[in-house]
PDB file of N, CA and C in Angstrom:
ATOM      1  N   UNK A   1       3.072  -5.151   8.695  1.00  0.00           N
ATOM      2  CA  UNK A   1       3.375  -6.298   7.869  1.00  0.00           C
ATOM      3  C   UNK A   1       4.896  -6.411   7.741  1.00  0.00           C
ATOM      4  N   UNK A   2       5.375  -7.625   7.870  1.00  0.00           N
ATOM      5  CA  UNK A   2       6.807  -7.912   7.797  1.00  0.00           C
ATOM      6  C   UNK A   2       7.160  -8.339   6.366  1.00  0.00           C
ATOM      7  N   UNK A   3       8.297  -7.876   5.862  1.00  0.00           N
ATOM      8  CA  UNK A   3       8.762  -8.234   4.524  1.00  0.00           C
ATOM      9  C   UNK A   3       9.987  -9.132   4.657  1.00  0.00           C
ATOM     10  N   UNK A   4       9.926 -10.315   4.029  1.00  0.00           N
ATOM     11  CA  UNK A   4      11.055 -11.246   4.040  1.00  0.00           C
ATOM     12  C   UNK A   4      11.495 -11.517   2.608  1.00  0.00           C
ATOM     13  N   UNK A   5      12.817 -11.638   2.429  1.00  0.00           N
ATOM     14  CA  UNK A   5      13.396 -11.888   1.119  1.00  0.00           C
ATOM     15  C   UNK A   5      14.078 -13.256   1.110  1.00  0.00           C
ATOM     16  N   UNK A   6      13.950 -13.995   0.009  1.00  0.00           N
ATOM     17  CA  UNK A   6      14.694 -15.240  -0.134  1.00  0.00           C
ATOM     18  C   UNK A   6      16.131 -14.906  -0.509  1.00  0.00           C
ATOM     19  N   UNK A   7      16.989 -15.883  -0.441  1.00  0.00           N
ATOM     20  CA  UNK A   7      18.398 -15.696  -0.764  1.00  0.00           C
ATOM     21  C   UNK A   7      18.571 -15.244  -2.222  1.00  0.00           C
ATOM     22  N   UNK A   8      17.793 -15.817  -3.132  1.00  0.00           N
ATOM     23  CA  UNK A   8      17.873 -15.439  -4.547  1.00  0.00           C
ATOM     24  C   UNK A   8      17.500 -13.977  -4.764  1.00  0.00           C
ATOM     25  N   UNK A   9      16.483 -13.510  -4.065  1.00  0.00           N
ATOM     26  CA  UNK A   9      16.058 -12.117  -4.190  1.00  0.00           C
ATOM     27  C   UNK A   9      17.135 -11.169  -3.682  1.00  0.00           C
ATOM     28  N   UNK A  10      17.765 -11.518  -2.571  1.00  0.00           N
ATOM     29  CA  UNK A  10      18.834 -10.682  -2.010  1.00  0.00           C
ATOM     30  C   UNK A  10      20.020 -10.639  -2.961  1.00  0.00           C
ATOM     31  N   UNK A  11      20.369 -11.773  -3.552  1.00  0.00           N
ATOM     32  CA  UNK A  11      21.489 -11.811  -4.498  1.00  0.00           C
ATOM     33  C   UNK A  11      21.227 -10.907  -5.693  1.00  0.00           C
ATOM     34  N   UNK A  12      19.994 -10.913  -6.199  1.00  0.00           N
ATOM     35  CA  UNK A  12      19.663 -10.050  -7.325  1.00  0.00           C
ATOM     36  C   UNK A  12      19.823  -8.583  -6.946  1.00  0.00           C
ATOM     37  N   UNK A  13      19.335  -8.208  -5.770  1.00  0.00           N
ATOM     38  CA  UNK A  13      19.420  -6.815  -5.332  1.00  0.00           C
ATOM     39  C   UNK A  13      20.863  -6.374  -5.130  1.00  0.00           C
ATOM     40  N   UNK A  14      21.729  -7.272  -4.680  1.00  0.00           N
ATOM     41  CA  UNK A  14      23.134  -6.925  -4.455  1.00  0.00           C
ATOM     42  C   UNK A  14      23.850  -6.593  -5.755  1.00  0.00           C
ATOM     43  N   UNK A  15      23.375  -7.107  -6.874  1.00  0.00           N
ATOM     44  CA  UNK A  15      24.017  -6.877  -8.171  1.00  0.00           C
ATOM     45  C   UNK A  15      23.547  -5.593  -8.850  1.00  0.00           C
ATOM     46  N   UNK A  16      22.503  -4.965  -8.322  1.00  0.00           N
ATOM     47  CA  UNK A  16      21.915  -3.790  -8.947  1.00  0.00           C
ATOM     48  C   UNK A  16      22.517  -2.493  -8.396  1.00  0.00           C
ATOM     49  N   UNK A  17      22.289  -1.397  -9.121  1.00  0.00           N
ATOM     50  CA  UNK A  17      22.749  -0.082  -8.657  1.00  0.00           C
ATOM     51  C   UNK A  17      21.878   0.380  -7.496  1.00  0.00           C
ATOM     52  N   UNK A  18      22.384   1.346  -6.729  1.00  0.00           N
ATOM     53  CA  UNK A  18      21.617   1.856  -5.589  1.00  0.00           C
ATOM     54  C   UNK A  18      20.287   2.460  -6.026  1.00  0.00           C
ATOM     55  N   UNK A  19      20.300   3.133  -7.170  1.00  0.00           N
ATOM     56  CA  UNK A  19      19.073   3.752  -7.677  1.00  0.00           C
ATOM     57  C   UNK A  19      18.037   2.684  -8.030  1.00  0.00           C
ATOM     58  N   UNK A  20      18.474   1.599  -8.649  1.00  0.00           N
ATOM     59  CA  UNK A  20      17.570   0.510  -9.010  1.00  0.00           C
ATOM     60  C   UNK A  20      17.016  -0.182  -7.772  1.00  0.00           C
ATOM     61  N   UNK A  21      17.875  -0.423  -6.797  1.00  0.00           N
ATOM     62  CA  UNK A  21      17.445  -1.074  -5.557  1.00  0.00           C
ATOM     63  C   UNK A  21      16.404  -0.212  -4.842  1.00  0.00           C
ATOM     64  N   UNK A  22      16.628   1.105  -4.818  1.00  0.00           N
ATOM     65  CA  UNK A  22      15.684   2.005  -4.169  1.00  0.00           C
ATOM     66  C   UNK A  22      14.325   1.955  -4.875  1.00  0.00           C
ATOM     67  N   UNK A  23      14.346   1.915  -6.200  1.00  0.00           N
ATOM     68  CA  UNK A  23      13.097   1.850  -6.969  1.00  0.00           C
ATOM     69  C   UNK A  23      12.351   0.545  -6.692  1.00  0.00           C
ATOM     70  N   UNK A  24      13.078  -0.565  -6.641  1.00  0.00           N
ATOM     71  CA  UNK A  24      12.453  -1.870  -6.390  1.00  0.00           C
ATOM     72  C   UNK A  24      11.899  -1.929  -4.969  1.00  0.00           C
ATOM     73  N   UNK A  25      12.683  -1.491  -3.990  1.00  0.00           N
ATOM     74  CA  UNK A  25      12.215  -1.536  -2.593  1.00  0.00           C
ATOM     75  C   UNK A  25      11.013  -0.631  -2.357  1.00  0.00           C
ATOM     76  N   UNK A  26      10.974   0.501  -3.039  1.00  0.00           N
ATOM     77  CA  UNK A  26       9.833   1.405  -2.911  1.00  0.00           C
ATOM     78  C   UNK A  26       8.562   0.747  -3.448  1.00  0.00           C
ATOM     79  N   UNK A  27       8.680   0.059  -4.580  1.00  0.00           N
ATOM     80  CA  UNK A  27       7.527  -0.633  -5.153  1.00  0.00           C
ATOM     81  C   UNK A  27       7.082  -1.791  -4.257  1.00  0.00           C
ATOM     82  N   UNK A  28       8.055  -2.502  -3.658  1.00  0.00           N
ATOM     83  CA  UNK A  28       7.722  -3.605  -2.745  1.00  0.00           C
ATOM     84  C   UNK A  28       7.016  -3.070  -1.502  1.00  0.00           C
ATOM     85  N   UNK A  29       7.445  -1.918  -1.004  1.00  0.00           N
ATOM     86  CA  UNK A  29       6.812  -1.327   0.180  1.00  0.00           C
ATOM     87  C   UNK A  29       5.345  -1.002  -0.086  1.00  0.00           C
ATOM     88  N   UNK A  30       5.007  -0.647  -1.319  1.00  0.00           N
ATOM     89  CA  UNK A  30       3.615  -0.342  -1.656  1.00  0.00           C
ATOM     90  C   UNK A  30       2.733  -1.583  -1.626  1.00  0.00           C
ATOM     91  N   UNK A  31       3.338  -2.774  -1.648  1.00  0.00           N
ATOM     92  CA  UNK A  31       2.564  -4.009  -1.569  1.00  0.00           C
ATOM     93  C   UNK A  31       1.999  -4.240  -0.169  1.00  0.00           C
ATOM     94  N   UNK A  32       2.537  -3.542   0.831  1.00  0.00           N
ATOM     95  CA  UNK A  32       2.052  -3.704   2.200  1.00  0.00           C
ATOM     96  C   UNK A  32       0.805  -2.867   2.462  1.00  0.00           C
ATOM     97  N   UNK A  33       0.449  -1.983   1.541  1.00  0.00           N
ATOM     98  CA  UNK A  33      -0.743  -1.157   1.700  1.00  0.00           C
ATOM     99  C   UNK A  33      -1.995  -1.992   1.439  1.00  0.00           C
ATOM    100  N   UNK A  34      -3.135  -1.489   1.888  1.00  0.00           N
ATOM    101  CA  UNK A  34      -4.398  -2.164   1.637  1.00  0.00           C
ATOM    102  C   UNK A  34      -5.288  -1.228   0.842  1.00  0.00           C
ATOM    103  N   UNK A  35      -5.630  -1.504  -0.391  1.00  0.00           N
ATOM    104  CA  UNK A  35      -5.170  -2.607  -1.245  1.00  0.00           C
ATOM    105  C   UNK A  35      -3.760  -2.327  -1.766  1.00  0.00           C
ATOM    106  N   UNK A  36      -3.033  -3.367  -2.191  1.00  0.00           N
ATOM    107  CA  UNK A  36      -1.668  -3.181  -2.680  1.00  0.00           C
ATOM    108  C   UNK A  36      -1.647  -2.325  -3.934  1.00  0.00           C
ATOM    109  N   UNK A  37      -0.621  -1.466  -4.030  1.00  0.00           N
ATOM    110  CA  UNK A  37      -0.468  -0.600  -5.193  1.00  0.00           C
ATOM    111  C   UNK A  37       0.534  -1.200  -6.150  1.00  0.00           C
ATOM    112  N   UNK A  38       0.343  -0.957  -7.428  1.00  0.00           N
ATOM    113  CA  UNK A  38       1.271  -1.427  -8.443  1.00  0.00           C
ATOM    114  C   UNK A  38       0.590  -2.353  -9.433  1.00  0.00           C
ATOM    115  N   UNK A  39       1.347  -2.750 -10.439  1.00  0.00           N
ATOM    116  CA  UNK A  39       0.852  -3.656 -11.476  1.00  0.00           C
ATOM    117  C   UNK A  39       1.021  -5.084 -10.978  1.00  0.00           C
ATOM    118  N   UNK A  40       0.014  -5.588 -10.287  1.00  0.00           N
ATOM    119  CA  UNK A  40       0.060  -6.905  -9.658  1.00  0.00           C
ATOM    120  C   UNK A  40      -0.877  -7.855 -10.388  1.00  0.00           C
ATOM    121  N   UNK A  41      -0.410  -9.085 -10.613  1.00  0.00           N
ATOM    122  CA  UNK A  41      -1.252 -10.110 -11.248  1.00  0.00           C
ATOM    123  C   UNK A  41      -0.955 -11.460 -10.623  1.00  0.00           C
ATOM    124  N   UNK A  42      -1.970 -12.298 -10.561  1.00  0.00           N
ATOM    125  CA  UNK A  42      -1.825 -13.653 -10.043  1.00  0.00           C
ATOM    126  C   UNK A  42      -1.110 -14.509 -11.084  1.00  0.00           C
ATOM    127  N   UNK A  43      -0.160 -15.319 -10.655  1.00  0.00           N
ATOM    128  CA  UNK A  43       0.580 -16.192 -11.565  1.00  0.00           C
ATOM    129  C   UNK A  43      -0.174 -17.511 -11.676  1.00  0.00           C
ATOM    130  N   UNK A  44      -0.437 -17.930 -12.900  1.00  0.00           N
ATOM    131  CA  UNK A  44      -1.147 -19.179 -13.124  1.00  0.00           C
ATOM    132  C   UNK A  44      -0.201 -20.356 -12.948  1.00  0.00           C
ATOM    133  N   UNK A  45      -0.750 -21.483 -12.524  1.00  0.00           N
ATOM    134  CA  UNK A  45       0.030 -22.701 -12.390  1.00  0.00           C
ATOM    135  C   UNK A  45       0.573 -22.950 -10.994  1.00  0.00           C
ATOM    136  N   UNK A  46       0.325 -22.044 -10.060  1.00  0.00           N
ATOM    137  CA  UNK A  46       0.765 -22.215  -8.675  1.00  0.00           C
ATOM    138  C   UNK A  46      -0.460 -22.199  -7.772  1.00  0.00           C
ATOM    139  N   UNK A  47      -0.501 -23.115  -6.822  1.00  0.00           N
ATOM    140  CA  UNK A  47      -1.647 -23.180  -5.916  1.00  0.00           C
ATOM    141  C   UNK A  47      -1.402 -22.432  -4.605  1.00  0.00           C
ATOM    142  N   UNK A  48      -0.203 -21.848  -4.440  1.00  0.00           N
ATOM    143  CA  UNK A  48       0.104 -21.155  -3.183  1.00  0.00           C
ATOM    144  C   UNK A  48      -0.166 -19.655  -3.229  1.00  0.00           C
ATOM    145  N   UNK A  49      -0.813 -19.170  -4.295  1.00  0.00           N
ATOM    146  CA  UNK A  49      -1.200 -17.764  -4.357  1.00  0.00           C
ATOM    147  C   UNK A  49      -0.087 -16.821  -4.749  1.00  0.00           C
ATOM    148  N   UNK A  50       0.886 -17.286  -5.510  1.00  0.00           N
ATOM    149  CA  UNK A  50       1.981 -16.414  -5.948  1.00  0.00           C
ATOM    150  C   UNK A  50       1.462 -15.347  -6.900  1.00  0.00           C
ATOM    151  N   UNK A  51       2.036 -14.172  -6.754  1.00  0.00           N
ATOM    152  CA  UNK A  51       1.676 -13.049  -7.617  1.00  0.00           C
ATOM    153  C   UNK A  51       2.951 -12.431  -8.157  1.00  0.00           C
ATOM    154  N   UNK A  52       2.795 -11.605  -9.180  1.00  0.00           N
ATOM    155  CA  UNK A  52       3.942 -10.901  -9.706  1.00  0.00           C
ATOM    156  C   UNK A  52       3.669  -9.408  -9.694  1.00  0.00           C
ATOM    157  N   UNK A  53       4.722  -8.651  -9.461  1.00  0.00           N
ATOM    158  CA  UNK A  53       4.681  -7.201  -9.493  1.00  0.00           C
ATOM    159  C   UNK A  53       5.585  -6.757 -10.629  1.00  0.00           C
ATOM    160  N   UNK A  54       5.058  -5.925 -11.528  1.00  0.00           N
ATOM    161  CA  UNK A  54       5.855  -5.432 -12.638  1.00  0.00           C
ATOM    162  C   UNK A  54       6.419  -4.066 -12.277  1.00  0.00           C
ATOM    163  N   UNK A  55       7.751  -3.937 -12.410  1.00  0.00           N
ATOM    164  CA  UNK A  55       8.440  -2.670 -12.189  1.00  0.00           C
ATOM    165  C   UNK A  55       9.319  -2.445 -13.416  1.00  0.00           C
ATOM    166  N   UNK A  56       8.785  -1.798 -14.425  1.00  0.00           N
ATOM    167  CA  UNK A  56       9.526  -1.629 -15.673  1.00  0.00           C
ATOM    168  C   UNK A  56       9.810  -2.981 -16.300  1.00  0.00           C
ATOM    169  N   UNK A  57      11.093  -3.294 -16.508  1.00  0.00           N
ATOM    170  CA  UNK A  57      11.456  -4.586 -17.102  1.00  0.00           C
ATOM    171  C   UNK A  57      11.748  -5.644 -16.038  1.00  0.00           C
ATOM    172  N   UNK A  58      11.613  -5.292 -14.773  1.00  0.00           N
ATOM    173  CA  UNK A  58      11.832  -6.261 -13.701  1.00  0.00           C
ATOM    174  C   UNK A  58      10.507  -6.848 -13.259  1.00  0.00           C
ATOM    175  N   UNK A  59      10.595  -8.054 -12.688  1.00  0.00           N
ATOM    176  CA  UNK A  59       9.423  -8.698 -12.113  1.00  0.00           C
ATOM    177  C   UNK A  59       9.778  -9.163 -10.707  1.00  0.00           C
ATOM    178  N   UNK A  60       8.855  -8.988  -9.785  1.00  0.00           N
ATOM    179  CA  UNK A  60       9.012  -9.449  -8.414  1.00  0.00           C
ATOM    180  C   UNK A  60       7.937 -10.506  -8.178  1.00  0.00           C
ATOM    181  N   UNK A  61       8.371 -11.722  -7.841  1.00  0.00           N
ATOM    182  CA  UNK A  61       7.442 -12.803  -7.535  1.00  0.00           C
ATOM    183  C   UNK A  61       7.295 -12.836  -6.011  1.00  0.00           C
ATOM    184  N   UNK A  62       6.049 -12.790  -5.535  1.00  0.00           N
ATOM    185  CA  UNK A  62       5.820 -12.714  -4.090  1.00  0.00           C
ATOM    186  C   UNK A  62       4.543 -13.444  -3.724  1.00  0.00           C
ATOM    187  N   UNK A  63       4.370 -13.636  -2.417  1.00  0.00           N
ATOM    188  CA  UNK A  63       3.114 -14.169  -1.886  1.00  0.00           C
ATOM    189  C   UNK A  63       2.938 -13.648  -0.470  1.00  0.00           C
ATOM    190  N   UNK A  64       1.698 -13.648  -0.025  1.00  0.00           N
ATOM    191  CA  UNK A  64       1.368 -13.239   1.332  1.00  0.00           C
ATOM    192  C   UNK A  64       1.213 -14.489   2.191  1.00  0.00           C
ATOM    193  N   UNK A  65       1.693 -14.418   3.429  1.00  0.00           N
ATOM    194  CA  UNK A  65       1.574 -15.529   4.363  1.00  0.00           C
ATOM    195  C   UNK A  65       1.270 -14.960   5.751  1.00  0.00           C
ATOM    196  N   UNK A  66       0.892 -15.846   6.662  1.00  0.00           N
ATOM    197  CA  UNK A  66       0.617 -15.441   8.038  1.00  0.00           C
ATOM    198  C   UNK A  66       1.373 -16.356   8.979  1.00  0.00           C
ATOM    199  N   UNK A  67       2.105 -15.762   9.920  1.00  0.00           N
ATOM    200  CA  UNK A  67       2.841 -16.511  10.926  1.00  0.00           C
ATOM    201  C   UNK A  67       2.299 -16.079  12.281  1.00  0.00           C
ATOM    202  N   UNK A  68       1.506 -16.926  12.900  1.00  0.00           N
ATOM    203  CA  UNK A  68       0.808 -16.595  14.152  1.00  0.00           C
ATOM    204  C   UNK A  68      -0.109 -15.406  13.874  1.00  0.00           C
ATOM    205  N   UNK A  69       0.216 -14.229  14.390  1.00  0.00           N
ATOM    206  CA  UNK A  69      -0.615 -13.049  14.148  1.00  0.00           C
ATOM    207  C   UNK A  69       0.070 -12.031  13.261  1.00  0.00           C
ATOM    208  N   UNK A  70       1.252 -12.357  12.758  1.00  0.00           N
ATOM    209  CA  UNK A  70       2.011 -11.418  11.940  1.00  0.00           C
ATOM    210  C   UNK A  70       1.819 -11.758  10.465  1.00  0.00           C
ATOM    211  N   UNK A  71       1.427 -10.755   9.678  1.00  0.00           N
ATOM    212  CA  UNK A  71       1.326 -10.953   8.239  1.00  0.00           C
ATOM    213  C   UNK A  71       2.711 -10.791   7.627  1.00  0.00           C
ATOM    214  N   UNK A  72       3.038 -11.665   6.677  1.00  0.00           N
ATOM    215  CA  UNK A  72       4.362 -11.667   6.059  1.00  0.00           C
ATOM    216  C   UNK A  72       4.198 -11.502   4.552  1.00  0.00           C
ATOM    217  N   UNK A  73       4.990 -10.607   3.986  1.00  0.00           N
ATOM    218  CA  UNK A  73       5.092 -10.471   2.539  1.00  0.00           C
ATOM    219  C   UNK A  73       6.397 -11.154   2.150  1.00  0.00           C
ATOM    220  N   UNK A  74       6.299 -12.324   1.520  1.00  0.00           N
ATOM    221  CA  UNK A  74       7.485 -13.103   1.163  1.00  0.00           C
ATOM    222  C   UNK A  74       7.871 -12.790  -0.279  1.00  0.00           C
ATOM    223  N   UNK A  75       9.052 -12.194  -0.452  1.00  0.00           N
ATOM    224  CA  UNK A  75       9.586 -11.912  -1.777  1.00  0.00           C
ATOM    225  C   UNK A  75      10.352 -13.151  -2.207  1.00  0.00           C
ATOM    226  N   UNK A  76       9.805 -13.883  -3.172  1.00  0.00           N
ATOM    227  CA  UNK A  76      10.369 -15.162  -3.584  1.00  0.00           C
ATOM    228  C   UNK A  76      11.513 -14.970  -4.566  1.00  0.00           C
ATOM    229  N   UNK A  77      11.289 -14.122  -5.574  1.00  0.00           N
ATOM    230  CA  UNK A  77      12.312 -13.952  -6.600  1.00  0.00           C
ATOM    231  C   UNK A  77      12.155 -12.596  -7.269  1.00  0.00           C
ATOM    232  N   UNK A  78      13.288 -12.026  -7.671  1.00  0.00           N
ATOM    233  CA  UNK A  78      13.308 -10.775  -8.425  1.00  0.00           C
ATOM    234  C   UNK A  78      14.186 -11.025  -9.635  1.00  0.00           C
ATOM    235  N   UNK A  79      13.756 -10.556 -10.794  1.00  0.00           N
ATOM    236  CA  UNK A  79      14.567 -10.766 -11.985  1.00  0.00           C
ATOM    237  C   UNK A  79      14.063  -9.984 -13.168  1.00  0.00           C
ATOM    238  N   UNK A  80      14.772 -10.128 -14.276  1.00  0.00           N
ATOM    239  CA  UNK A  80      14.383  -9.472 -15.513  1.00  0.00           C
ATOM    240  C   UNK A  80      13.201 -10.196 -16.136  1.00  0.00           C
ATOM    241  N   UNK A  81      12.462  -9.486 -16.915  1.00  0.00           N
ATOM    242  CA  UNK A  81      11.216  -9.987 -17.504  1.00  0.00           C
ATOM    243  C   UNK A  81      11.397 -11.315 -18.238  1.00  0.00           C
ATOM    244  N   UNK A  82      12.444 -11.439 -19.034  1.00  0.00           N
ATOM    245  CA  UNK A  82      12.625 -12.645 -19.829  1.00  0.00           C
ATOM    246  C   UNK A  82      13.128 -13.849 -19.049  1.00  0.00           C
ATOM    247  N   UNK A  83      13.768 -13.626 -17.917  1.00  0.00           N
ATOM    248  CA  UNK A  83      14.402 -14.700 -17.166  1.00  0.00           C
ATOM    249  C   UNK A  83      13.592 -15.204 -15.981  1.00  0.00           C
ATOM    250  N   UNK A  84      12.681 -14.409 -15.472  1.00  0.00           N
ATOM    251  CA  UNK A  84      12.045 -14.705 -14.197  1.00  0.00           C
ATOM    252  C   UNK A  84      11.080 -15.887 -14.267  1.00  0.00           C
ATOM    253  N   UNK A  85      10.455 -16.124 -15.404  1.00  0.00           N
ATOM    254  CA  UNK A  85       9.439 -17.171 -15.479  1.00  0.00           C
ATOM    255  C   UNK A  85       9.998 -18.522 -15.894  1.00  0.00           C
ATOM    256  N   UNK A  86      11.290 -18.620 -16.107  1.00  0.00           N
ATOM    257  CA  UNK A  86      11.895 -19.886 -16.560  1.00  0.00           C
ATOM    258  C   UNK A  86      12.121 -20.824 -15.403  1.00  0.00           C
TER     259      UNK A  86
END
């Protein structure tokens, strides 16, 4: 499974410490397992199947997609709990 990040997600990761980035990337890597590991929930109000992953006070908004025969894990946004849903 291929993991792709949006520009907003990359910008958030660039502002974090190396330890925080490692923790977030490790949790994202567990989403490629079958079944995905972590505190995952479907986000209401979106018809494209967006889900959220909780990592402490951070939230990762993601969705699964398919491009030809390759499965893609698209990381849409990463942010703090209070700011991510606005």
